[in-house]
C-alpha atoms as a PDB file:
ATOM      1  CA  MET A   1      -6.780  33.470  44.940  1.00  0.00           C
ATOM      2  CA  ILE A   2      -3.139  32.425  44.624  1.00  0.00           C
ATOM      3  CA  LEU A   3      -3.370  30.245  47.731  1.00  0.00           C
ATOM      4  CA  GLN A   4      -6.584  28.665  46.470  1.00  0.00           C
ATOM      5  CA  SER A   5      -5.009  27.962  43.083  1.00  0.00           C
ATOM      6  CA  ARG A   6      -1.976  26.364  44.705  1.00  0.00           C
ATOM      7  CA  LYS A   7      -4.243  24.263  46.910  1.00  0.00           C
ATOM      8  CA  GLN A   8      -6.124  23.025  43.836  1.00  0.00           C
ATOM      9  CA  ASP A   9      -2.831  22.175  42.125  1.00  0.00           C
ATOM     10  CA  CYS A  10      -1.718  20.210  45.187  1.00  0.00           C
ATOM     11  CA  ASN A  11      -5.009  18.344  45.262  1.00  0.00           C
ATOM     12  CA  ARG A  12      -4.666  17.417  41.587  1.00  0.00           C
ATOM     13  CA  GLU A  13      -1.098  16.236  42.138  1.00  0.00           C
ATOM     14  CA  ALA A  14      -2.232  14.121  45.090  1.00  0.00           C
ATOM     15  CA  GLU A  15      -5.027  12.582  43.007  1.00  0.00           C
ATOM     16  CA  ASN A  16      -2.613  11.836  40.171  1.00  0.00           C
ATOM     17  CA  THR A  17      -0.178  10.256  42.618  1.00  0.00           C
ATOM     18  CA  VAL A  18      -2.901   8.045  44.084  1.00  0.00           C
ATOM     19  CA  SER A  19      -4.091   7.040  40.595  1.00  0.00           C
ATOM     20  CA  TYR A  20      -0.545   6.217  39.528  1.00  0.00           C
ATOM     21  CA  GLU A  21       0.040   4.158  42.662  1.00  0.00           C
ATOM     22  CA  HIS A  22      -3.173   2.206  42.081  1.00  0.00           C
ATOM     23  CA  LEU A  23      -2.218   1.570  38.454  1.00  0.00           C
ATOM     24  CA  LYS A  24       1.291   0.513  39.483  1.00  0.00           C
ATOM     25  CA  ALA A  25      -0.117  -1.848  42.117  1.00  0.00           C
ATOM     26  CA  PHE A  26      -2.504  -3.345  39.542  1.00  0.00           C
ATOM     27  CA  ASP A  27       0.361  -3.712  37.066  1.00  0.00           C
ATOM     28  CA  ASP A  28       2.481  -5.512  39.673  1.00  0.00           C
ATOM     29  CA  GLU A  29      -0.381  -7.891  40.497  1.00  0.00           C
ATOM     30  CA  VAL A  30      -0.998  -8.739  36.842  1.00  0.00           C
ATOM     31  CA  ASN A  31       2.678  -9.371  36.149  1.00  0.00           C
ATOM     32  CA  ALA A  32       3.062 -11.426  39.328  1.00  0.00           C
ATOM     33  CA  PHE A  33       0.097 -13.565  38.249  1.00  0.00           C
ATOM     34  CA  LEU A  34       1.599 -14.118  34.788  1.00  0.00           C
ATOM     35  CA  ASP A  35       4.977 -15.008  36.274  1.00  0.00           C
ATOM     36  CA  HIS A  36       3.251 -17.488  38.571  1.00  0.00           C
ATOM     37  CA  MET A  37       1.359 -19.020  35.644  1.00  0.00           C
ATOM     38  CA  PHE A  38       4.223 -19.274  33.150  1.00  0.00           C
ATOM     39  CA  GLY A  39       7.340 -19.249  35.295  1.00  0.00           C
ATOM     40  CA  PRO A  40      10.477 -17.065  35.072  1.00  0.00           C
ATOM     41  CA  ARG A  41      10.735 -14.839  32.017  1.00  0.00           C
ATOM     42  CA  ASP A  42      13.656 -14.875  29.624  1.00  0.00           C
ATOM     43  CA  SER A  43      16.240 -12.474  31.068  1.00  0.00           C
ATOM     44  CA  ARG A  44      17.631 -11.596  27.635  1.00  0.00           C
ATOM     45  CA  VAL A  45      14.573  -9.488  26.750  1.00  0.00           C
ATOM     46  CA  ARG A  46      14.210  -7.647  30.061  1.00  0.00           C
ATOM     47  CA  GLY A  47      13.843  -3.911  29.549  1.00  0.00           C
ATOM     48  CA  TRP A  48      12.796  -4.201  25.905  1.00  0.00           C
ATOM     49  CA  PHE A  49      10.086  -1.779  24.818  1.00  0.00           C
ATOM     50  CA  MET A  50       6.539  -2.852  25.864  1.00  0.00           C
ATOM     51  CA  LEU A  51       7.625  -6.234  27.228  1.00  0.00           C
ATOM     52  CA  ASP A  52       8.141  -5.803  30.986  1.00  0.00           C
ATOM     53  CA  SER A  53       4.469  -5.009  31.627  1.00  0.00           C
ATOM     54  CA  TYR A  54       1.429  -6.619  30.056  1.00  0.00           C
ATOM     55  CA  LEU A  55      -0.765  -3.547  30.549  1.00  0.00           C
ATOM     56  CA  PRO A  56       0.308  -1.667  27.366  1.00  0.00           C
ATOM     57  CA  THR A  57      -0.515  -4.687  25.234  1.00  0.00           C
ATOM     58  CA  PHE A  58      -3.807  -5.233  27.051  1.00  0.00           C
ATOM     59  CA  PHE A  59      -4.947  -1.597  26.860  1.00  0.00           C
ATOM     60  CA  LEU A  60      -3.960  -1.309  23.192  1.00  0.00           C
ATOM     61  CA  THR A  61      -6.010  -4.420  22.439  1.00  0.00           C
ATOM     62  CA  VAL A  62      -9.020  -3.018  24.294  1.00  0.00           C
ATOM     63  CA  SER A  63      -8.578   0.291  22.438  1.00  0.00           C
ATOM     64  CA  TYR A  64      -8.501  -1.624  19.160  1.00  0.00           C
ATOM     65  CA  LEU A  65     -11.788  -3.384  19.934  1.00  0.00           C
ATOM     66  CA  LEU A  66     -13.424  -0.168  21.131  1.00  0.00           C
ATOM     67  CA  SER A  67     -12.262   1.694  18.030  1.00  0.00           C
ATOM     68  CA  ILE A  68     -14.091  -0.828  15.846  1.00  0.00           C
ATOM     69  CA  TRP A  69     -17.340  -0.419  17.747  1.00  0.00           C
ATOM     70  CA  LEU A  70     -17.153   3.358  18.200  1.00  0.00           C
ATOM     71  CA  GLY A  71     -15.702   3.904  14.736  1.00  0.00           C
ATOM     72  CA  ASN A  72     -18.576   2.116  13.041  1.00  0.00           C
ATOM     73  CA  LYS A  73     -21.040   4.204  15.034  1.00  0.00           C
ATOM     74  CA  TYR A  74     -19.200   7.401  14.081  1.00  0.00           C
ATOM     75  CA  MET A  75     -19.028   6.498  10.385  1.00  0.00           C
ATOM     76  CA  LYS A  76     -22.632   5.279  10.142  1.00  0.00           C
ATOM     77  CA  ASN A  77     -24.049   8.535   8.760  1.00  0.00           C
ATOM     78  CA  ARG A  78     -20.840   9.910   7.275  1.00  0.00           C
ATOM     79  CA  PRO A  79     -19.270   9.407   3.834  1.00  0.00           C
ATOM     80  CA  ALA A  80     -16.506   6.843   3.528  1.00  0.00           C
ATOM     81  CA  PHE A  81     -12.887   7.957   3.259  1.00  0.00           C
ATOM     82  CA  SER A  82     -10.857   7.019   0.188  1.00  0.00           C
ATOM     83  CA  LEU A  83      -7.399   6.779   1.834  1.00  0.00           C
ATOM     84  CA  LYS A  84      -5.754   5.837  -1.470  1.00  0.00           C
ATOM     85  CA  GLY A  85      -2.440   7.531  -0.699  1.00  0.00           C
ATOM     86  CA  THR A  86      -2.428   6.294   2.889  1.00  0.00           C
ATOM     87  CA  LEU A  87      -3.124   2.722   1.780  1.00  0.00           C
ATOM     88  CA  THR A  88      -0.318   2.858  -0.764  1.00  0.00           C
ATOM     89  CA  LEU A  89       2.246   3.951   1.828  1.00  0.00           C
ATOM     90  CA  TYR A  90       0.910   1.540   4.445  1.00  0.00           C
ATOM     91  CA  ASN A  91       1.022  -1.488   2.169  1.00  0.00           C
ATOM     92  CA  LEU A  92       4.520  -0.566   0.993  1.00  0.00           C
ATOM     93  CA  GLY A  93       5.709  -0.128   4.570  1.00  0.00           C
ATOM     94  CA  ILE A  94       4.369  -3.495   5.765  1.00  0.00           C
ATOM     95  CA  THR A  95       5.805  -5.198   2.672  1.00  0.00           C
ATOM     96  CA  LEU A  96       9.272  -3.778   3.366  1.00  0.00           C
ATOM     97  CA  LEU A  97       9.072  -4.647   7.083  1.00  0.00           C
ATOM     98  CA  SER A  98       8.040  -8.209   6.207  1.00  0.00           C
ATOM     99  CA  ALA A  99      10.926  -8.505   3.751  1.00  0.00           C
ATOM    100  CA  TYR A 100      13.369  -7.332   6.443  1.00  0.00           C
ATOM    101  CA  MET A 101      12.024  -9.844   8.972  1.00  0.00           C
ATOM    102  CA  LEU A 102      12.125 -12.706   6.465  1.00  0.00           C
ATOM    103  CA  VAL A 103      15.742 -12.056   5.463  1.00  0.00           C
ATOM    104  CA  GLU A 104      16.925 -11.430   9.022  1.00  0.00           C
ATOM    105  CA  LEU A 105      15.221 -14.554  10.396  1.00  0.00           C
ATOM    106  CA  ILE A 106      16.761 -16.716   7.687  1.00  0.00           C
ATOM    107  CA  LEU A 107      20.241 -15.262   8.169  1.00  0.00           C
ATOM    108  CA  SER A 108      20.183 -15.352  11.977  1.00  0.00           C
ATOM    109  CA  SER A 109      18.786 -18.882  12.278  1.00  0.00           C
ATOM    110  CA  TRP A 110      21.056 -20.207   9.530  1.00  0.00           C
ATOM    111  CA  GLY A 111      24.103 -18.481  10.973  1.00  0.00           C
ATOM    112  CA  GLY A 112      23.291 -19.791  14.442  1.00  0.00           C
ATOM    113  CA  GLY A 113      23.089 -23.367  13.199  1.00  0.00           C
ATOM    114  CA  TYR A 114      19.418 -23.735  14.098  1.00  0.00           C
ATOM    115  CA  ASN A 115      18.018 -27.263  13.927  1.00  0.00           C
ATOM    116  CA  LEU A 116      14.980 -27.179  11.648  1.00  0.00           C
ATOM    117  CA  GLN A 117      13.345 -30.119  13.423  1.00  0.00           C
ATOM    118  CA  CYS A 118      13.676 -28.752  16.963  1.00  0.00           C
ATOM    119  CA  GLN A 119      15.660 -25.847  18.422  1.00  0.00           C
ATOM    120  CA  ASN A 120      15.891 -25.041  22.122  1.00  0.00           C
ATOM    121  CA  LEU A 121      16.107 -21.576  23.664  1.00  0.00           C
ATOM    122  CA  ASP A 122      19.723 -21.172  24.698  1.00  0.00           C
ATOM    123  CA  SER A 123      22.156 -23.117  22.538  1.00  0.00           C
ATOM    124  CA  ALA A 124      22.882 -20.637  19.730  1.00  0.00           C
ATOM    125  CA  GLY A 125      24.345 -17.780  21.796  1.00  0.00           C
ATOM    126  CA  ASP A 126      24.328 -14.454  19.978  1.00  0.00           C
ATOM    127  CA  ALA A 127      22.154 -15.903  17.213  1.00  0.00           C
ATOM    128  CA  ASP A 128      19.354 -16.447  19.734  1.00  0.00           C
ATOM    129  CA  VAL A 129      19.439 -12.773  20.711  1.00  0.00           C
ATOM    130  CA  ARG A 130      19.464 -11.790  17.049  1.00  0.00           C
ATOM    131  CA  VAL A 131      16.386 -13.939  16.427  1.00  0.00           C
ATOM    132  CA  ALA A 132      14.680 -12.430  19.491  1.00  0.00           C
ATOM    133  CA  LYS A 133      15.266  -8.910  18.161  1.00  0.00           C
ATOM    134  CA  VAL A 134      13.565  -9.790  14.881  1.00  0.00           C
ATOM    135  CA  LEU A 135      10.690 -11.447  16.715  1.00  0.00           C
ATOM    136  CA  TRP A 136      10.221  -8.266  18.722  1.00  0.00           C
ATOM    137  CA  TRP A 137       9.600  -6.452  15.429  1.00  0.00           C
ATOM    138  CA  TYR A 138       7.211  -9.247  14.508  1.00  0.00           C
ATOM    139  CA  TYR A 139       5.305  -8.656  17.763  1.00  0.00           C
ATOM    140  CA  PHE A 140       5.271  -4.903  17.140  1.00  0.00           C
ATOM    141  CA  SER A 141       4.035  -5.430  13.571  1.00  0.00           C
ATOM    142  CA  LYS A 142       0.901  -7.030  15.013  1.00  0.00           C
ATOM    143  CA  LEU A 143       0.138  -3.699  16.671  1.00  0.00           C
ATOM    144  CA  VAL A 144       0.705  -1.835  13.399  1.00  0.00           C
ATOM    145  CA  GLU A 145      -1.622  -4.258  11.622  1.00  0.00           C
ATOM    146  CA  PHE A 146      -4.515  -3.100  13.781  1.00  0.00           C
ATOM    147  CA  LEU A 147      -4.671  -0.362  11.151  1.00  0.00           C
ATOM    148  CA  ASP A 148      -6.008  -2.919   8.667  1.00  0.00           C
ATOM    149  CA  THR A 149      -9.285  -2.902  10.578  1.00  0.00           C
ATOM    150  CA  ILE A 150      -9.257   0.846  11.225  1.00  0.00           C
ATOM    151  CA  PHE A 151      -9.005   1.410   7.471  1.00  0.00           C
ATOM    152  CA  PHE A 152     -11.986  -0.894   6.957  1.00  0.00           C
ATOM    153  CA  VAL A 153     -13.947   1.203   9.455  1.00  0.00           C
ATOM    154  CA  LEU A 154     -12.996   4.529   7.873  1.00  0.00           C
ATOM    155  CA  ARG A 155     -13.809   3.209   4.408  1.00  0.00           C
ATOM    156  CA  LYS A 156     -17.105   1.719   5.680  1.00  0.00           C
ATOM    157  CA  LYS A 157     -16.194  -1.828   4.618  1.00  0.00           C
ATOM    158  CA  THR A 158     -17.910  -3.378   7.620  1.00  0.00           C
ATOM    159  CA  SER A 159     -18.639  -6.632   5.774  1.00  0.00           C
ATOM    160  CA  GLN A 160     -14.905  -7.303   5.826  1.00  0.00           C
ATOM    161  CA  ILE A 161     -14.618  -6.965   9.624  1.00  0.00           C
ATOM    162  CA  THR A 162     -15.429 -10.604  10.351  1.00  0.00           C
ATOM    163  CA  PHE A 163     -14.997 -12.656  13.518  1.00  0.00           C
ATOM    164  CA  LEU A 164     -11.964 -14.336  11.951  1.00  0.00           C
ATOM    165  CA  HIS A 165     -10.431 -10.963  11.122  1.00  0.00           C
ATOM    166  CA  VAL A 166     -10.810  -9.484  14.620  1.00  0.00           C
ATOM    167  CA  TYR A 167     -10.011 -12.738  16.446  1.00  0.00           C
ATOM    168  CA  HIS A 168      -6.758 -13.194  14.583  1.00  0.00           C
ATOM    169  CA  HIS A 169      -5.630  -9.582  14.933  1.00  0.00           C
ATOM    170  CA  ALA A 170      -6.373  -9.274  18.647  1.00  0.00           C
ATOM    171  CA  SER A 171      -5.093 -12.711  19.659  1.00  0.00           C
ATOM    172  CA  MET A 172      -1.817 -12.573  17.723  1.00  0.00           C
ATOM    173  CA  PHE A 173      -0.738  -9.314  19.370  1.00  0.00           C
ATOM    174  CA  ASN A 174      -1.301 -10.760  22.843  1.00  0.00           C
ATOM    175  CA  ILE A 175       0.155 -14.182  22.078  1.00  0.00           C
ATOM    176  CA  TRP A 176       3.353 -12.671  20.767  1.00  0.00           C
ATOM    177  CA  TRP A 177       3.760 -10.574  23.898  1.00  0.00           C
ATOM    178  CA  CYS A 178       3.879 -13.887  25.779  1.00  0.00           C
ATOM    179  CA  VAL A 179       6.203 -15.447  23.212  1.00  0.00           C
ATOM    180  CA  LEU A 180       8.693 -12.585  23.501  1.00  0.00           C
ATOM    181  CA  ASN A 181       8.714 -12.794  27.284  1.00  0.00           C
ATOM    182  CA  TRP A 182       9.091 -16.561  27.703  1.00  0.00           C
ATOM    183  CA  ILE A 183      10.165 -18.174  24.406  1.00  0.00           C
ATOM    184  CA  PRO A 184      11.722 -15.354  22.317  1.00  0.00           C
ATOM    185  CA  CYS A 185      13.912 -17.539  20.100  1.00  0.00           C
ATOM    186  CA  GLY A 186      14.589 -21.192  19.305  1.00  0.00           C
ATOM    187  CA  GLN A 187      11.582 -23.086  17.924  1.00  0.00           C
ATOM    188  CA  SER A 188       9.582 -19.826  17.811  1.00  0.00           C
ATOM    189  CA  PHE A 189      11.399 -18.636  14.691  1.00  0.00           C
ATOM    190  CA  PHE A 190       9.670 -20.902  12.161  1.00  0.00           C
ATOM    191  CA  GLY A 191       6.115 -19.529  12.049  1.00  0.00           C
ATOM    192  CA  PRO A 192       7.149 -15.869  11.692  1.00  0.00           C
ATOM    193  CA  THR A 193       9.555 -16.819   8.901  1.00  0.00           C
ATOM    194  CA  LEU A 194       6.737 -18.346   6.851  1.00  0.00           C
ATOM    195  CA  ASN A 195       4.331 -15.606   7.854  1.00  0.00           C
ATOM    196  CA  SER A 196       6.719 -12.852   6.770  1.00  0.00           C
ATOM    197  CA  PHE A 197       6.954 -14.438   3.323  1.00  0.00           C
ATOM    198  CA  ILE A 198       3.147 -14.598   3.060  1.00  0.00           C
ATOM    199  CA  HIS A 199       2.919 -10.964   4.151  1.00  0.00           C
ATOM    200  CA  ILE A 200       5.246  -9.883   1.362  1.00  0.00           C
ATOM    201  CA  LEU A 201       2.899 -11.459  -1.173  1.00  0.00           C
ATOM    202  CA  MET A 202      -0.262 -10.276   0.549  1.00  0.00           C
ATOM    203  CA  TYR A 203       0.625  -6.631   1.057  1.00  0.00           C
ATOM    204  CA  SER A 204       2.132  -6.497  -2.420  1.00  0.00           C
ATOM    205  CA  TYR A 205      -1.269  -7.628  -3.682  1.00  0.00           C
ATOM    206  CA  TYR A 206      -3.000  -4.939  -1.630  1.00  0.00           C
ATOM    207  CA  GLY A 207      -0.552  -2.289  -2.755  1.00  0.00           C
ATOM    208  CA  LEU A 208      -0.933  -3.155  -6.423  1.00  0.00           C
ATOM    209  CA  SER A 209      -4.719  -3.286  -6.187  1.00  0.00           C
ATOM    210  CA  VAL A 210      -4.790   0.406  -5.245  1.00  0.00           C
ATOM    211  CA  PHE A 211      -3.965   1.171  -8.891  1.00  0.00           C
ATOM    212  CA  PRO A 212      -6.855   0.501 -11.331  1.00  0.00           C
ATOM    213  CA  SER A 213      -4.458  -0.375 -14.148  1.00  0.00           C
ATOM    214  CA  MET A 214      -3.223  -3.364 -12.124  1.00  0.00           C
ATOM    215  CA  HIS A 215      -6.639  -4.935 -11.460  1.00  0.00           C
ATOM    216  CA  LYS A 216      -6.518  -7.198 -14.520  1.00  0.00           C
ATOM    217  CA  HIS A 217      -3.256  -8.700 -13.288  1.00  0.00           C
ATOM    218  CA  LEU A 218      -4.524  -9.612  -9.789  1.00  0.00           C
ATOM    219  CA  TRP A 219      -5.662 -13.135 -10.586  1.00  0.00           C
ATOM    220  CA  TRP A 220      -3.661 -14.824  -7.833  1.00  0.00           C
ATOM    221  CA  LYS A 221      -5.790 -13.916  -4.796  1.00  0.00           C
ATOM    222  CA  ARG A 222      -7.160 -17.455  -4.409  1.00  0.00           C
ATOM    223  CA  TYR A 223      -3.673 -18.964  -4.400  1.00  0.00           C
ATOM    224  CA  LEU A 224      -2.598 -16.660  -1.586  1.00  0.00           C
ATOM    225  CA  THR A 225      -5.379 -18.098   0.550  1.00  0.00           C
ATOM    226  CA  GLN A 226      -4.173 -21.592  -0.300  1.00  0.00           C
ATOM    227  CA  ALA A 227      -0.626 -20.600   0.593  1.00  0.00           C
ATOM    228  CA  GLN A 228      -1.889 -19.338   3.931  1.00  0.00           C
ATOM    229  CA  LEU A 229      -3.469 -22.688   4.716  1.00  0.00           C
ATOM    230  CA  VAL A 230      -0.262 -24.476   3.732  1.00  0.00           C
ATOM    231  CA  GLN A 231       1.624 -22.139   6.080  1.00  0.00           C
ATOM    232  CA  PHE A 232      -0.591 -23.113   9.016  1.00  0.00           C
ATOM    233  CA  LEU A 233      -0.179 -26.820   8.323  1.00  0.00           C
ATOM    234  CA  LEU A 234       3.602 -26.508   7.999  1.00  0.00           C
ATOM    235  CA  THR A 235       3.777 -24.584  11.268  1.00  0.00           C
ATOM    236  CA  ILE A 236       1.717 -27.232  13.072  1.00  0.00           C
ATOM    237  CA  THR A 237       3.920 -29.992  11.627  1.00  0.00           C
ATOM    238  CA  HIS A 238       7.090 -28.164  12.661  1.00  0.00           C
ATOM    239  CA  THR A 239       5.720 -27.552  16.158  1.00  0.00           C
ATOM    240  CA  LEU A 240       4.656 -31.156  16.710  1.00  0.00           C
ATOM    241  CA  SER A 241       8.014 -32.429  15.461  1.00  0.00           C
ATOM    242  CA  ALA A 242       9.486 -31.017  18.663  1.00  0.00           C
ATOM    243  CA  VAL A 243       6.915 -33.018  20.634  1.00  0.00           C
ATOM    244  CA  VAL A 244       7.852 -36.277  18.914  1.00  0.00           C
ATOM    245  CA  LYS A 245      11.577 -35.623  19.222  1.00  0.00           C
ATOM    246  CA  PRO A 246      12.026 -33.015  22.000  1.00  0.00           C
ATOM    247  CA  CYS A 247      15.012 -30.729  22.351  1.00  0.00           C
ATOM    248  CA  GLY A 248      14.168 -28.924  25.581  1.00  0.00           C
ATOM    249  CA  PHE A 249      11.725 -26.369  24.173  1.00  0.00           C
ATOM    250  CA  PRO A 250       8.779 -25.945  26.631  1.00  0.00           C
ATOM    251  CA  PHE A 251       6.206 -28.660  25.983  1.00  0.00           C
ATOM    252  CA  GLY A 252       3.204 -26.550  27.017  1.00  0.00           C
ATOM    253  CA  CYS A 253       4.113 -23.859  24.507  1.00  0.00           C
ATOM    254  CA  LEU A 254       4.242 -26.420  21.715  1.00  0.00           C
ATOM    255  CA  ILE A 255       0.782 -27.751  22.571  1.00  0.00           C
ATOM    256  CA  PHE A 256      -0.696 -24.251  22.838  1.00  0.00           C
ATOM    257  CA  GLN A 257       0.768 -23.143  19.520  1.00  0.00           C
ATOM    258  CA  SER A 258      -0.494 -26.269  17.745  1.00  0.00           C
ATOM    259  CA  SER A 259      -3.968 -25.824  19.241  1.00  0.00           C
ATOM    260  CA  TYR A 260      -4.150 -22.147  18.295  1.00  0.00           C
ATOM    261  CA  MET A 261      -3.006 -22.843  14.749  1.00  0.00           C
ATOM    262  CA  MET A 262      -5.677 -25.544  14.446  1.00  0.00           C
ATOM    263  CA  THR A 263      -8.355 -22.953  15.234  1.00  0.00           C
ATOM    264  CA  LEU A 264      -7.031 -20.889  12.338  1.00  0.00           C
ATOM    265  CA  VAL A 265      -7.008 -23.891  10.013  1.00  0.00           C
ATOM    266  CA  ILE A 266     -10.646 -24.615  10.849  1.00  0.00           C
ATOM    267  CA  LEU A 267     -11.745 -20.992  10.422  1.00  0.00           C
ATOM    268  CA  PHE A 268      -9.746 -20.522   7.217  1.00  0.00           C
ATOM    269  CA  LEU A 269     -11.041 -23.759   5.708  1.00  0.00           C
ATOM    270  CA  ASN A 270     -14.597 -22.690   6.480  1.00  0.00           C
ATOM    271  CA  PHE A 271     -13.897 -19.366   4.795  1.00  0.00           C
ATOM    272  CA  TYR A 272     -12.240 -21.023   1.802  1.00  0.00           C
ATOM    273  CA  PHE A 273     -15.102 -23.447   1.111  1.00  0.00           C
ATOM    274  CA  GLN A 274     -17.725 -20.742   1.538  1.00  0.00           C
ATOM    275  CA  THR A 275     -15.823 -18.473  -0.836  1.00  0.00           C
ATOM    276  CA  TYR A 276     -14.549 -20.742  -3.579  1.00  0.00           C
ATOM    277  CA  ARG A 277     -16.604 -23.942  -3.413  1.00  0.00           C
ATOM    278  CA  LYS A 278     -20.173 -22.749  -2.875  1.00  0.00           C
ATOM    279  CA  LYS A 279     -20.688 -20.421  -5.804  1.00  0.00           C
ATOM    280  CA  PRO A 280     -24.231 -19.212  -6.524  1.00  0.00           C
ATOM    281  CA  MET A 281     -25.858 -20.154  -9.824  1.00  0.00           C
ATOM    282  CA  LYS A 282     -25.503 -17.741 -12.748  1.00  0.00           C
ATOM    283  CA  LYS A 283     -22.784 -15.856 -10.921  1.00  0.00           C
ATOM    284  CA  ASP A 284     -21.076 -14.930 -14.144  1.00  0.00           C
ATOM    285  CA  THR A 285     -24.165 -13.129 -15.418  1.00  0.00           C
ATOM    286  CA  GLN A 286     -25.150 -11.485 -12.167  1.00  0.00           C
ATOM    287  CA  GLU A 287     -21.906  -9.835 -11.118  1.00  0.00           C
ATOM    288  CA  PRO A 288     -18.506  -8.991 -12.614  1.00  0.00           C
ATOM    289  CA  PRO A 289     -15.459 -11.196 -11.955  1.00  0.00           C
ATOM    290  CA  ALA A 290     -14.104 -10.768  -8.431  1.00  0.00           C
ATOM    291  CA  GLU A 291     -10.641  -9.935  -9.670  1.00  0.00           C
ATOM    292  CA  LYS A 292     -11.963  -6.948 -11.590  1.00  0.00           C
ATOM    293  CA  GLU A 293     -14.042  -5.454  -8.802  1.00  0.00           C
ATOM    294  CA  VAL A 294     -11.515  -4.031  -6.398  1.00  0.00           C
ATOM    295  CA  ARG A 295     -12.476  -1.463  -3.800  1.00  0.00           C
ATOM    296  CA  ASN A 296      -9.534   0.874  -3.362  1.00  0.00           C
ATOM    297  CA  GLY A 297      -6.982  -1.771  -2.642  1.00  0.00           C
ATOM    298  CA  LEU A 298      -9.224  -4.573  -1.357  1.00  0.00           C
ATOM    299  CA  SER A 299     -11.274  -6.853  -3.572  1.00  0.00           C
ATOM    300  CA  LYS A 300     -15.003  -7.087  -2.985  1.00  0.00           C
ATOM    301  CA  ALA A 301     -14.665 -10.867  -3.057  1.00  0.00           C
ATOM    302  CA  PRO A 302     -13.321 -12.480   0.116  1.00  0.00           C
ATOM    303  CA  PHE A 303      -9.628 -12.980   0.723  1.00  0.00           C
ATOM    304  CA  THR A 304      -7.862 -14.140   3.837  1.00  0.00           C
ATOM    305  CA  ALA A 305      -4.231 -13.611   4.655  1.00  0.00           C
ATOM    306  CA  ALA A 306      -1.558 -14.288   7.214  1.00  0.00           C
ATOM    307  CA  ASN A 307      -1.990 -11.333   9.493  1.00  0.00           C
ATOM    308  CA  GLY A 308      -5.717 -11.667   9.712  1.00  0.00           C
ATOM    309  CA  VAL A 309      -6.715  -9.167   6.996  1.00  0.00           C
ATOM    310  CA  MET A 310      -9.737 -11.228   6.120  1.00  0.00           C
ATOM    311  CA  ASN A 311     -12.733 -10.343   4.035  1.00  0.00           C
ATOM    312  CA  LYS A 312     -16.204 -11.690   4.336  1.00  0.00           C
ATOM    313  CA  LYS A 313     -18.390 -12.708   1.395  1.00  0.00           C
ATOM    314  CA  ALA A 314     -19.700  -9.668  -0.356  1.00  0.00           C
ATOM    315  CA  GLN A 315     -23.133  -8.791   0.768  1.00  0.00           C
END
């Protein structure tokens, strides 16, 4: 019996070793392909958590998408969770993290003498590394923000899990893995600076809306959506300024960022016009004001924000 047990243990260890070797070989192939596509990575971020291999980011994204599908199936015949306390802590945490990133990005870029029109990747010395460290937290925050959708699932708010919502969440996490590996500072600082400011406003709104006594004061949801659109346009303008007057920042990255941001502008504009311009007749008599109907921290009426926490029209 003892010999048989030891033999089984050895077989399991051999299987685990083979599986690990296959996974390692696959990881090496994926990273070699990415290096071939995008060129040498920035050496200053080598060894940073989750950056050397793409597989963690990829598998976490797949897990996120699967959790939406499986979670909705699981919750279909079950009562929705309230999560009031969890939402309060979550919104507070993201607000504080966004405030830290905003302040640190401003101080590090200002202290490093960053050129607002165009900043390359290696002229600011220690300030570049300081910016890269903040942008790593920005990348990591995109993983944390997957919880926005998980909370929708658990609270059975499936109407708020739109294409725009999932597209933005999943794509941003993967895009910023690439940014951190190849362009972790320089011109990359501008978008996250604006986005961190928008997140402070957005998650403050969500946090306040958890408390019923604050509902009457939450009249500024529409203006947050407008601010988000302004953010996208400013980011595109800032990115293209480095195309018109280059400073050595990779040209392909500038074109990709501008193109991606344009997809968001188009999707957000479509959302905005559907939400605020095409109002049904007799809306005032058929349903209460959107600002006053808030579902445990998220209004029933649509609202779109910087990190992709986007609501669909109420069904």
